[in-house]
PDB file of N, CA and C in Angstrom:
ATOM      1  N   MET A   1       0.818  -1.185   0.000  1.00  0.00           N
ATOM      2  CA  MET A   1       0.000   0.000   0.000  1.00  0.00           C
ATOM      3  C   MET A   1       0.867   1.256   0.000  1.00  0.00           C
ATOM      4  N   ALA A   2       1.903   1.214  -0.761  1.00  0.00           N
ATOM      5  CA  ALA A   2       2.777   2.377  -0.846  1.00  0.00           C
ATOM      6  C   ALA A   2       2.088   3.481  -1.638  1.00  0.00           C
ATOM      7  N   GLY A   3       2.193   4.711  -1.171  1.00  0.00           N
ATOM      8  CA  GLY A   3       1.600   5.847  -1.866  1.00  0.00           C
ATOM      9  C   GLY A   3       0.168   6.139  -1.470  1.00  0.00           C
ATOM     10  N   TRP A   4      -0.377   5.388  -0.532  1.00  0.00           N
ATOM     11  CA  TRP A   4      -1.771   5.591  -0.120  1.00  0.00           C
ATOM     12  C   TRP A   4      -1.960   6.942   0.542  1.00  0.00           C
ATOM     13  N   THR A   5      -1.047   7.336   1.370  1.00  0.00           N
ATOM     14  CA  THR A   5      -1.160   8.609   2.087  1.00  0.00           C
ATOM     15  C   THR A   5      -1.118   9.781   1.128  1.00  0.00           C
ATOM     16  N   SER A   6      -0.196   9.759   0.183  1.00  0.00           N
ATOM     17  CA  SER A   6      -0.102  10.867  -0.773  1.00  0.00           C
ATOM     18  C   SER A   6      -1.345  10.934  -1.658  1.00  0.00           C
ATOM     19  N   THR A   7      -1.927   9.805  -1.985  1.00  0.00           N
ATOM     20  CA  THR A   7      -3.146   9.794  -2.794  1.00  0.00           C
ATOM     21  C   THR A   7      -4.305  10.422  -2.020  1.00  0.00           C
ATOM     22  N   VAL A   8      -4.452  10.083  -0.768  1.00  0.00           N
ATOM     23  CA  VAL A   8      -5.514  10.650   0.057  1.00  0.00           C
ATOM     24  C   VAL A   8      -5.316  12.148   0.221  1.00  0.00           C
ATOM     25  N   VAL A   9      -4.094  12.594   0.423  1.00  0.00           N
ATOM     26  CA  VAL A   9      -3.810  14.019   0.577  1.00  0.00           C
ATOM     27  C   VAL A   9      -4.145  14.772  -0.706  1.00  0.00           C
ATOM     28  N   ILE A  10      -3.792  14.230  -1.848  1.00  0.00           N
ATOM     29  CA  ILE A  10      -4.067  14.891  -3.131  1.00  0.00           C
ATOM     30  C   ILE A  10      -5.570  14.962  -3.395  1.00  0.00           C
ATOM     31  N   VAL A  11      -6.274  13.865  -3.153  1.00  0.00           N
ATOM     32  CA  VAL A  11      -7.727  13.848  -3.363  1.00  0.00           C
ATOM     33  C   VAL A  11      -8.415  14.827  -2.419  1.00  0.00           C
ATOM     34  N   THR A  12      -7.964  14.889  -1.175  1.00  0.00           N
ATOM     35  CA  THR A  12      -8.539  15.828  -0.211  1.00  0.00           C
ATOM     36  C   THR A  12      -8.263  17.271  -0.616  1.00  0.00           C
ATOM     37  N   ALA A  13      -7.065  17.551  -1.099  1.00  0.00           N
ATOM     38  CA  ALA A  13      -6.712  18.906  -1.519  1.00  0.00           C
ATOM     39  C   ALA A  13      -7.542  19.335  -2.725  1.00  0.00           C
ATOM     40  N   VAL A  14      -7.707  18.446  -3.687  1.00  0.00           N
ATOM     41  CA  VAL A  14      -8.523  18.767  -4.867  1.00  0.00           C
ATOM     42  C   VAL A  14      -9.975  18.994  -4.456  1.00  0.00           C
ATOM     43  N   GLY A  15     -10.484  18.183  -3.555  1.00  0.00           N
ATOM     44  CA  GLY A  15     -11.854  18.365  -3.068  1.00  0.00           C
ATOM     45  C   GLY A  15     -12.022  19.687  -2.338  1.00  0.00           C
ATOM     46  N   ALA A  16     -11.020  20.076  -1.567  1.00  0.00           N
ATOM     47  CA  ALA A  16     -11.085  21.351  -0.853  1.00  0.00           C
ATOM     48  C   ALA A  16     -11.097  22.521  -1.826  1.00  0.00           C
ATOM     49  N   VAL A  17     -10.300  22.447  -2.867  1.00  0.00           N
ATOM     50  CA  VAL A  17     -10.270  23.509  -3.879  1.00  0.00           C
ATOM     51  C   VAL A  17     -11.614  23.579  -4.600  1.00  0.00           C
ATOM     52  N   GLN A  18     -12.203  22.449  -4.906  1.00  0.00           N
ATOM     53  CA  GLN A  18     -13.511  22.426  -5.561  1.00  0.00           C
ATOM     54  C   GLN A  18     -14.588  23.036  -4.670  1.00  0.00           C
ATOM     55  N   LEU A  19     -14.589  22.703  -3.401  1.00  0.00           N
ATOM     56  CA  LEU A  19     -15.575  23.276  -2.481  1.00  0.00           C
ATOM     57  C   LEU A  19     -15.377  24.780  -2.326  1.00  0.00           C
ATOM     58  N   LEU A  20     -14.156  25.240  -2.286  1.00  0.00           N
ATOM     59  CA  LEU A  20     -13.873  26.672  -2.195  1.00  0.00           C
ATOM     60  C   LEU A  20     -14.381  27.392  -3.445  1.00  0.00           C
ATOM     61  N   ALA A  21     -14.102  26.831  -4.619  1.00  0.00           N
ATOM     62  CA  ALA A  21     -14.567  27.441  -5.865  1.00  0.00           C
ATOM     63  C   ALA A  21     -16.095  27.458  -5.923  1.00  0.00           C
ATOM     64  N   LEU A  22     -16.736  26.398  -5.480  1.00  0.00           N
ATOM     65  CA  LEU A  22     -18.192  26.341  -5.469  1.00  0.00           C
ATOM     66  C   LEU A  22     -18.772  27.372  -4.503  1.00  0.00           C
ATOM     67  N   GLY A  23     -18.130  27.558  -3.374  1.00  0.00           N
ATOM     68  CA  GLY A  23     -18.583  28.571  -2.421  1.00  0.00           C
ATOM     69  C   GLY A  23     -18.455  29.979  -2.971  1.00  0.00           C
ATOM     70  N   ILE A  24     -17.352  30.277  -3.651  1.00  0.00           N
ATOM     71  CA  ILE A  24     -17.162  31.598  -4.252  1.00  0.00           C
ATOM     72  C   ILE A  24     -18.195  31.827  -5.344  1.00  0.00           C
ATOM     73  N   LEU A  25     -18.431  30.826  -6.169  1.00  0.00           N
ATOM     74  CA  LEU A  25     -19.431  30.934  -7.228  1.00  0.00           C
ATOM     75  C   LEU A  25     -20.832  31.116  -6.644  1.00  0.00           C
ATOM     76  N   GLY A  26     -21.133  30.410  -5.567  1.00  0.00           N
ATOM     77  CA  GLY A  26     -22.429  30.556  -4.914  1.00  0.00           C
ATOM     78  C   GLY A  26     -22.636  31.946  -4.341  1.00  0.00           C
ATOM     79  N   GLU A  27     -21.608  32.509  -3.741  1.00  0.00           N
ATOM     80  CA  GLU A  27     -21.700  33.884  -3.231  1.00  0.00           C
ATOM     81  C   GLU A  27     -21.956  34.866  -4.367  1.00  0.00           C
ATOM     82  N   TYR A  28     -21.261  34.681  -5.472  1.00  0.00           N
ATOM     83  CA  TYR A  28     -21.408  35.573  -6.629  1.00  0.00           C
ATOM     84  C   TYR A  28     -22.829  35.507  -7.191  1.00  0.00           C
ATOM     85  N   VAL A  29     -23.334  34.309  -7.398  1.00  0.00           N
ATOM     86  CA  VAL A  29     -24.683  34.146  -7.942  1.00  0.00           C
ATOM     87  C   VAL A  29     -25.730  34.657  -6.950  1.00  0.00           C
ATOM     88  N   GLY A  30     -25.536  34.400  -5.679  1.00  0.00           N
ATOM     89  CA  GLY A  30     -26.473  34.879  -4.661  1.00  0.00           C
ATOM     90  C   GLY A  30     -26.533  36.395  -4.599  1.00  0.00           C
ATOM     91  N   ARG A  31     -25.396  37.047  -4.699  1.00  0.00           N
ATOM     92  CA  ARG A  31     -25.381  38.510  -4.673  1.00  0.00           C
ATOM     93  C   ARG A  31     -25.979  39.088  -5.944  1.00  0.00           C
ATOM     94  N   LEU A  32     -25.746  38.450  -7.083  1.00  0.00           N
ATOM     95  CA  LEU A  32     -26.379  38.902  -8.333  1.00  0.00           C
ATOM     96  C   LEU A  32     -27.897  38.771  -8.237  1.00  0.00           C
ATOM     97  N   TYR A  33     -28.367  37.674  -7.680  1.00  0.00           N
ATOM     98  CA  TYR A  33     -29.803  37.465  -7.536  1.00  0.00           C
ATOM     99  C   TYR A  33     -30.416  38.504  -6.599  1.00  0.00           C
ATOM    100  N   ALA A  34     -29.759  38.757  -5.478  1.00  0.00           N
ATOM    101  CA  ALA A  34     -30.269  39.739  -4.527  1.00  0.00           C
ATOM    102  C   ALA A  34     -30.281  41.143  -5.134  1.00  0.00           C
ATOM    103  N   ALA A  35     -29.268  41.465  -5.914  1.00  0.00           N
ATOM    104  CA  ALA A  35     -29.211  42.781  -6.544  1.00  0.00           C
ATOM    105  C   ALA A  35     -30.296  42.927  -7.603  1.00  0.00           C
ATOM    106  N   SER A  36     -30.611  41.861  -8.296  1.00  0.00           N
ATOM    107  CA  SER A  36     -31.634  41.945  -9.340  1.00  0.00           C
ATOM    108  C   SER A  36     -33.037  42.055  -8.740  1.00  0.00           C
ATOM    109  N   GLN A  37     -33.238  41.614  -7.503  1.00  0.00           N
ATOM    110  CA  GLN A  37     -34.543  41.703  -6.866  1.00  0.00           C
ATOM    111  C   GLN A  37     -34.889  43.137  -6.478  1.00  0.00           C
ATOM    112  N   ALA A  38     -33.891  43.968  -6.274  1.00  0.00           N
ATOM    113  CA  ALA A  38     -34.126  45.342  -5.837  1.00  0.00           C
ATOM    114  C   ALA A  38     -34.416  46.282  -7.001  1.00  0.00           C
ATOM    115  N   ARG A  39     -34.282  45.810  -8.219  1.00  0.00           N
ATOM    116  CA  ARG A  39     -34.462  46.665  -9.384  1.00  0.00           C
ATOM    117  C   ARG A  39     -35.875  46.525  -9.936  1.00  0.00           C
ATOM    118  N   PRO A  40     -36.402  47.606 -10.500  1.00  0.00           N
ATOM    119  CA  PRO A  40     -37.731  47.496 -11.122  1.00  0.00           C
ATOM    120  C   PRO A  40     -37.649  46.670 -12.410  1.00  0.00           C
ATOM    121  N   SER A  41     -38.794  46.146 -12.837  1.00  0.00           N
ATOM    122  CA  SER A  41     -38.784  45.321 -14.045  1.00  0.00           C
ATOM    123  C   SER A  41     -38.566  46.152 -15.303  1.00  0.00           C
ATOM    124  N   TYR A  42     -38.868  47.460 -15.221  1.00  0.00           N
ATOM    125  CA  TYR A  42     -38.558  48.345 -16.338  1.00  0.00           C
ATOM    126  C   TYR A  42     -38.298  49.739 -15.797  1.00  0.00           C
ATOM    127  N   TYR A  43     -37.701  50.574 -16.624  1.00  0.00           N
ATOM    128  CA  TYR A  43     -37.338  51.919 -16.220  1.00  0.00           C
ATOM    129  C   TYR A  43     -37.865  52.896 -17.260  1.00  0.00           C
ATOM    130  N   VAL A  44     -38.604  53.896 -16.823  1.00  0.00           N
ATOM    131  CA  VAL A  44     -39.146  54.901 -17.730  1.00  0.00           C
ATOM    132  C   VAL A  44     -38.175  56.076 -17.743  1.00  0.00           C
ATOM    133  N   ALA A  45     -37.513  56.260 -18.872  1.00  0.00           N
ATOM    134  CA  ALA A  45     -36.517  57.315 -18.967  1.00  0.00           C
ATOM    135  C   ALA A  45     -37.130  58.642 -19.386  1.00  0.00           C
ATOM    136  N   TYR A  46     -38.293  58.594 -20.033  1.00  0.00           N
ATOM    137  CA  TYR A  46     -38.882  59.810 -20.559  1.00  0.00           C
ATOM    138  C   TYR A  46     -40.392  59.700 -20.442  1.00  0.00           C
ATOM    139  N   ASP A  47     -41.024  60.715 -19.897  1.00  0.00           N
ATOM    140  CA  ASP A  47     -42.474  60.729 -19.744  1.00  0.00           C
ATOM    141  C   ASP A  47     -43.040  61.806 -20.657  1.00  0.00           C
ATOM    142  N   SER A  48     -43.722  61.404 -21.720  1.00  0.00           N
ATOM    143  CA  SER A  48     -44.238  62.370 -22.690  1.00  0.00           C
ATOM    144  C   SER A  48     -45.402  63.170 -22.117  1.00  0.00           C
ATOM    145  N   GLU A  49     -46.096  62.644 -21.134  1.00  0.00           N
ATOM    146  CA  GLU A  49     -47.209  63.369 -20.534  1.00  0.00           C
ATOM    147  C   GLU A  49     -46.742  64.510 -19.635  1.00  0.00           C
ATOM    148  N   GLU A  50     -45.494  64.450 -19.212  1.00  0.00           N
ATOM    149  CA  GLU A  50     -44.958  65.504 -18.354  1.00  0.00           C
ATOM    150  C   GLU A  50     -44.953  66.856 -19.088  1.00  0.00           C
ATOM    151  N   GLU A  51     -44.643  66.859 -20.377  1.00  0.00           N
ATOM    152  CA  GLU A  51     -44.626  68.094 -21.152  1.00  0.00           C
ATOM    153  C   GLU A  51     -46.031  68.643 -21.358  1.00  0.00           C
ATOM    154  N   GLN A  52     -47.008  67.773 -21.491  1.00  0.00           N
ATOM    155  CA  GLN A  52     -48.382  68.215 -21.721  1.00  0.00           C
ATOM    156  C   GLN A  52     -48.966  68.853 -20.465  1.00  0.00           C
ATOM    157  N   ARG A  53     -48.551  68.439 -19.281  1.00  0.00           N
ATOM    158  CA  ARG A  53     -49.067  68.994 -18.034  1.00  0.00           C
ATOM    159  C   ARG A  53     -48.479  70.361 -17.715  1.00  0.00           C
ATOM    160  N   ALA A  54     -47.328  70.681 -18.278  1.00  0.00           N
ATOM    161  CA  ALA A  54     -46.665  71.961 -17.971  1.00  0.00           C
ATOM    162  C   ALA A  54     -47.477  73.126 -18.572  1.00  0.00           C
ATOM    163  N   PRO A  55     -47.668  74.210 -17.832  1.00  0.00           N
ATOM    164  CA  PRO A  55     -48.463  75.348 -18.356  1.00  0.00           C
ATOM    165  C   PRO A  55     -47.714  76.153 -19.390  1.00  0.00           C
TER     166      PRO A  55
END
């Protein structure tokens, strides 16, 4: 069973890197989702009725 320890260490290290990357990606997607919830579904840049109401 030579090399068993190094194999376990390598597999554990790769798994740790994968979990870290997944956590960073999850934070990014979660913050994007939260930011998109605070925005209106559309934005009115110009109101043509505003000019008609002016005296």
